[in-house]
Amino acid sequence: MKRETQRSKVKKHLEDGLPITPMDALERYGCFRLAAVIHDLKHDDGMPIEKELIQNRYGTKYAKYKLRDKTVNSNILDELNPTGEWRKWN
C-alpha cells in the first residue's frame, strides 16, 4: 500500500475549499515546509493558490494559503462574445 504524501494531503485540503497555515500543516500533516509544498503545487500542478499574510497578536506575520476563486467575470466574457451566447450555458 502506497503512503499518502504531505503534498497530496495539502492538495486535498485546499481542494476541499479550506485555507491552510504553516501551523495547520504541521499539526495535521507533520509538514514543516508548507511553503515548499505550496510552491510545488503551484508550479508543477498548476494550482491557482493565493497567499494572504496574517499578523498575530504579537506582530509576527505568517502566510495563509487558499485556492483562488474560480468565478468568471461576465464583463470579460461579454468582450469575448458580445452576443451573450455563453449565457445559455449558465
N, C-alpha and C. Protein backbone atom coordinates (compact mmCIF):
# COMPACT_ATOMS: atom_id res chain seq x y z
N MET A 1 0.84 -1.19 0.00
CA MET A 1 0.00 0.00 0.00
C MET A 1 0.88 1.24 0.00
N LYS A 2 0.56 2.18 -0.89
CA LYS A 2 1.36 3.39 -1.03
C LYS A 2 0.97 4.41 0.04
N ARG A 3 1.96 5.01 0.65
CA ARG A 3 1.76 6.02 1.70
C ARG A 3 1.30 7.33 1.07
N GLU A 4 0.33 8.00 1.71
CA GLU A 4 -0.13 9.30 1.23
C GLU A 4 0.90 10.36 1.62
N THR A 5 1.32 11.16 0.67
CA THR A 5 2.36 12.16 0.91
C THR A 5 1.78 13.42 1.54
N GLN A 6 2.67 14.21 2.13
CA GLN A 6 2.25 15.50 2.67
C GLN A 6 1.69 16.37 1.57
N ARG A 7 2.32 16.32 0.42
CA ARG A 7 1.87 17.11 -0.73
C ARG A 7 0.44 16.75 -1.12
N SER A 8 0.13 15.46 -1.18
CA SER A 8 -1.22 15.06 -1.56
C SER A 8 -2.24 15.43 -0.48
N LYS A 9 -1.82 15.39 0.77
CA LYS A 9 -2.72 15.78 1.86
C LYS A 9 -3.03 17.27 1.82
N VAL A 10 -2.00 18.09 1.58
CA VAL A 10 -2.19 19.53 1.49
C VAL A 10 -3.04 19.87 0.26
N LYS A 11 -2.79 19.18 -0.84
CA LYS A 11 -3.57 19.41 -2.06
C LYS A 11 -5.05 19.12 -1.82
N LYS A 12 -5.34 18.01 -1.19
CA LYS A 12 -6.73 17.65 -0.90
C LYS A 12 -7.36 18.66 0.05
N HIS A 13 -6.61 19.10 1.03
CA HIS A 13 -7.07 20.11 1.99
C HIS A 13 -7.53 21.37 1.24
N LEU A 14 -6.69 21.85 0.33
CA LEU A 14 -7.02 23.05 -0.45
C LEU A 14 -8.20 22.81 -1.39
N GLU A 15 -8.22 21.64 -2.02
CA GLU A 15 -9.31 21.31 -2.95
C GLU A 15 -10.65 21.20 -2.23
N ASP A 16 -10.61 20.89 -0.94
CA ASP A 16 -11.84 20.84 -0.14
C ASP A 16 -12.34 22.24 0.22
N GLY A 17 -11.61 23.27 -0.24
CA GLY A 17 -12.02 24.65 0.00
C GLY A 17 -11.56 25.23 1.32
N LEU A 18 -10.61 24.57 1.96
CA LEU A 18 -10.13 25.03 3.27
C LEU A 18 -8.81 25.78 3.13
N PRO A 19 -8.65 26.89 3.86
CA PRO A 19 -7.35 27.56 3.87
C PRO A 19 -6.40 26.77 4.76
N ILE A 20 -5.10 27.03 4.58
CA ILE A 20 -4.11 26.33 5.40
C ILE A 20 -2.98 27.27 5.77
N THR A 21 -2.52 27.16 7.02
CA THR A 21 -1.38 27.93 7.51
C THR A 21 -0.26 26.95 7.85
N PRO A 22 0.95 27.47 8.06
CA PRO A 22 2.04 26.57 8.45
C PRO A 22 1.74 25.77 9.72
N MET A 23 1.06 26.38 10.69
CA MET A 23 0.71 25.66 11.92
C MET A 23 -0.30 24.53 11.64
N ASP A 24 -1.28 24.81 10.77
CA ASP A 24 -2.24 23.77 10.37
C ASP A 24 -1.50 22.59 9.74
N ALA A 25 -0.59 22.91 8.82
CA ALA A 25 0.14 21.87 8.09
C ALA A 25 0.99 21.03 9.03
N LEU A 26 1.61 21.68 10.00
CA LEU A 26 2.44 20.96 10.96
C LEU A 26 1.59 20.07 11.86
N GLU A 27 0.51 20.63 12.39
CA GLU A 27 -0.33 19.86 13.32
C GLU A 27 -1.08 18.72 12.62
N ARG A 28 -1.60 18.96 11.45
CA ARG A 28 -2.42 17.95 10.76
C ARG A 28 -1.63 16.93 9.98
N TYR A 29 -0.56 17.41 9.30
CA TYR A 29 0.12 16.54 8.35
C TYR A 29 1.61 16.35 8.63
N GLY A 30 2.12 16.94 9.71
CA GLY A 30 3.54 16.82 10.03
C GLY A 30 4.43 17.51 9.02
N CYS A 31 3.90 18.52 8.36
CA CYS A 31 4.61 19.22 7.28
C CYS A 31 5.30 20.47 7.84
N PHE A 32 6.64 20.44 7.88
CA PHE A 32 7.41 21.58 8.36
C PHE A 32 7.65 22.63 7.28
N ARG A 33 7.56 22.25 6.02
CA ARG A 33 7.92 23.15 4.92
C ARG A 33 6.72 23.38 4.00
N LEU A 34 5.66 23.99 4.54
CA LEU A 34 4.45 24.23 3.76
C LEU A 34 4.74 25.10 2.54
N ALA A 35 5.57 26.12 2.67
CA ALA A 35 5.86 27.00 1.53
C ALA A 35 6.45 26.21 0.36
N ALA A 36 7.28 25.23 0.64
CA ALA A 36 7.86 24.40 -0.42
C ALA A 36 6.80 23.54 -1.09
N VAL A 37 5.88 23.00 -0.30
CA VAL A 37 4.78 22.19 -0.84
C VAL A 37 3.88 23.06 -1.71
N ILE A 38 3.56 24.27 -1.23
CA ILE A 38 2.73 25.20 -1.99
C ILE A 38 3.41 25.56 -3.31
N HIS A 39 4.70 25.81 -3.26
CA HIS A 39 5.46 26.13 -4.48
C HIS A 39 5.32 25.01 -5.51
N ASP A 40 5.49 23.78 -5.06
CA ASP A 40 5.38 22.63 -5.96
C ASP A 40 3.97 22.50 -6.53
N LEU A 41 2.96 22.70 -5.69
CA LEU A 41 1.58 22.60 -6.16
C LEU A 41 1.27 23.68 -7.19
N LYS A 42 1.81 24.88 -6.98
CA LYS A 42 1.57 25.97 -7.93
C LYS A 42 2.29 25.74 -9.25
N HIS A 43 3.56 25.35 -9.18
CA HIS A 43 4.37 25.27 -10.39
C HIS A 43 4.29 23.92 -11.10
N ASP A 44 4.19 22.84 -10.37
CA ASP A 44 4.14 21.52 -11.00
C ASP A 44 2.71 21.12 -11.35
N ASP A 45 1.76 21.42 -10.45
CA ASP A 45 0.37 21.01 -10.67
C ASP A 45 -0.49 22.13 -11.24
N GLY A 46 0.04 23.35 -11.28
CA GLY A 46 -0.71 24.48 -11.84
C GLY A 46 -1.90 24.92 -11.00
N MET A 47 -1.86 24.68 -9.70
CA MET A 47 -2.98 25.06 -8.84
C MET A 47 -2.97 26.58 -8.61
N PRO A 48 -4.14 27.22 -8.74
CA PRO A 48 -4.22 28.68 -8.53
C PRO A 48 -4.32 29.01 -7.03
N ILE A 49 -3.18 29.00 -6.37
CA ILE A 49 -3.14 29.21 -4.92
C ILE A 49 -2.74 30.66 -4.65
N GLU A 50 -3.47 31.29 -3.74
CA GLU A 50 -3.11 32.65 -3.35
C GLU A 50 -2.67 32.67 -1.89
N LYS A 51 -1.83 33.66 -1.57
CA LYS A 51 -1.28 33.79 -0.22
C LYS A 51 -1.78 35.09 0.39
N GLU A 52 -2.17 34.99 1.66
CA GLU A 52 -2.56 36.17 2.43
C GLU A 52 -1.66 36.21 3.66
N LEU A 53 -1.07 37.37 3.93
CA LEU A 53 -0.24 37.50 5.12
C LEU A 53 -1.11 37.89 6.30
N ILE A 54 -0.99 37.13 7.37
CA ILE A 54 -1.75 37.33 8.60
C ILE A 54 -0.77 37.78 9.68
N GLN A 55 -1.23 38.67 10.55
CA GLN A 55 -0.38 39.11 11.66
C GLN A 55 -1.04 38.68 12.96
N ASN A 56 -0.28 37.97 13.80
CA ASN A 56 -0.85 37.55 15.08
C ASN A 56 -0.76 38.68 16.11
N ARG A 57 -1.22 38.43 17.31
CA ARG A 57 -1.29 39.49 18.32
C ARG A 57 0.08 39.98 18.79
N TYR A 58 1.11 39.21 18.47
CA TYR A 58 2.48 39.61 18.83
C TYR A 58 3.19 40.35 17.71
N GLY A 59 2.52 40.51 16.58
CA GLY A 59 3.11 41.21 15.45
C GLY A 59 3.84 40.32 14.46
N THR A 60 3.86 39.02 14.72
CA THR A 60 4.52 38.09 13.81
C THR A 60 3.61 37.82 12.61
N LYS A 61 4.19 37.88 11.42
CA LYS A 61 3.42 37.62 10.21
C LYS A 61 3.64 36.20 9.73
N TYR A 62 2.58 35.61 9.22
CA TYR A 62 2.67 34.26 8.65
C TYR A 62 1.68 34.18 7.48
N ALA A 63 1.85 33.16 6.65
CA ALA A 63 1.04 33.02 5.44
C ALA A 63 -0.18 32.14 5.68
N LYS A 64 -1.25 32.49 4.99
CA LYS A 64 -2.43 31.64 4.92
C LYS A 64 -2.69 31.42 3.44
N TYR A 65 -2.72 30.16 3.01
CA TYR A 65 -2.89 29.82 1.61
C TYR A 65 -4.30 29.29 1.37
N LYS A 66 -4.85 29.62 0.19
CA LYS A 66 -6.14 29.07 -0.22
C LYS A 66 -6.20 29.08 -1.74
N LEU A 67 -7.12 28.29 -2.26
CA LEU A 67 -7.31 28.28 -3.70
C LEU A 67 -8.03 29.55 -4.12
N ARG A 68 -7.61 30.11 -5.23
CA ARG A 68 -8.25 31.29 -5.79
C ARG A 68 -9.65 30.91 -6.26
N ASP A 69 -10.60 31.82 -6.10
CA ASP A 69 -11.96 31.58 -6.57
C ASP A 69 -11.95 31.33 -8.07
N LYS A 70 -12.84 30.46 -8.51
CA LYS A 70 -12.93 30.12 -9.92
C LYS A 70 -14.06 30.86 -10.60
N THR A 71 -14.48 31.99 -10.05
CA THR A 71 -15.56 32.74 -10.64
C THR A 71 -15.08 33.42 -11.92
N VAL A 72 -16.00 33.59 -12.84
CA VAL A 72 -15.68 34.20 -14.12
C VAL A 72 -16.33 35.57 -14.16
N ASN A 73 -15.56 36.55 -14.55
CA ASN A 73 -16.07 37.91 -14.68
C ASN A 73 -16.89 37.99 -15.97
N SER A 74 -18.17 38.28 -15.86
CA SER A 74 -19.05 38.30 -17.03
C SER A 74 -18.66 39.41 -18.01
N ASN A 75 -18.04 40.50 -17.52
CA ASN A 75 -17.61 41.57 -18.43
C ASN A 75 -16.55 41.06 -19.40
N ILE A 76 -15.68 40.21 -18.93
CA ILE A 76 -14.65 39.65 -19.81
C ILE A 76 -15.32 38.77 -20.87
N LEU A 77 -16.27 37.96 -20.45
CA LEU A 77 -16.96 37.10 -21.40
C LEU A 77 -17.75 37.91 -22.41
N ASP A 78 -18.34 39.03 -22.00
CA ASP A 78 -19.07 39.89 -22.93
C ASP A 78 -18.13 40.47 -23.99
N GLU A 79 -16.90 40.80 -23.58
CA GLU A 79 -15.93 41.30 -24.54
C GLU A 79 -15.54 40.22 -25.53
N LEU A 80 -15.42 39.00 -25.06
CA LEU A 80 -15.03 37.90 -25.94
C LEU A 80 -16.17 37.49 -26.87
N ASN A 81 -17.41 37.58 -26.38
CA ASN A 81 -18.56 37.15 -27.16
C ASN A 81 -19.71 38.13 -26.90
N PRO A 82 -19.76 39.25 -27.64
CA PRO A 82 -20.74 40.30 -27.39
C PRO A 82 -22.19 39.87 -27.56
N THR A 83 -22.46 38.77 -28.24
CA THR A 83 -23.83 38.35 -28.47
C THR A 83 -24.44 37.72 -27.21
N GLY A 84 -23.62 37.38 -26.21
CA GLY A 84 -24.13 36.79 -24.99
C GLY A 84 -24.46 35.31 -25.11
N GLU A 85 -23.96 34.66 -26.14
CA GLU A 85 -24.24 33.23 -26.35
C GLU A 85 -23.81 32.38 -25.18
N TRP A 86 -22.75 32.78 -24.51
CA TRP A 86 -22.24 31.97 -23.38
C TRP A 86 -23.25 31.87 -22.26
N ARG A 87 -24.15 32.86 -22.12
CA ARG A 87 -25.13 32.86 -21.03
C ARG A 87 -26.11 31.70 -21.13
N LYS A 88 -26.27 31.13 -22.29
CA LYS A 88 -27.18 30.00 -22.46
C LYS A 88 -26.72 28.77 -21.69
N TRP A 89 -25.41 28.70 -21.43
CA TRP A 89 -24.87 27.51 -20.79
C TRP A 89 -24.86 27.63 -19.27
N ASN A 90 -25.12 28.80 -18.74
CA ASN A 90 -25.07 29.00 -17.28
C ASN A 90 -26.41 28.71 -16.66
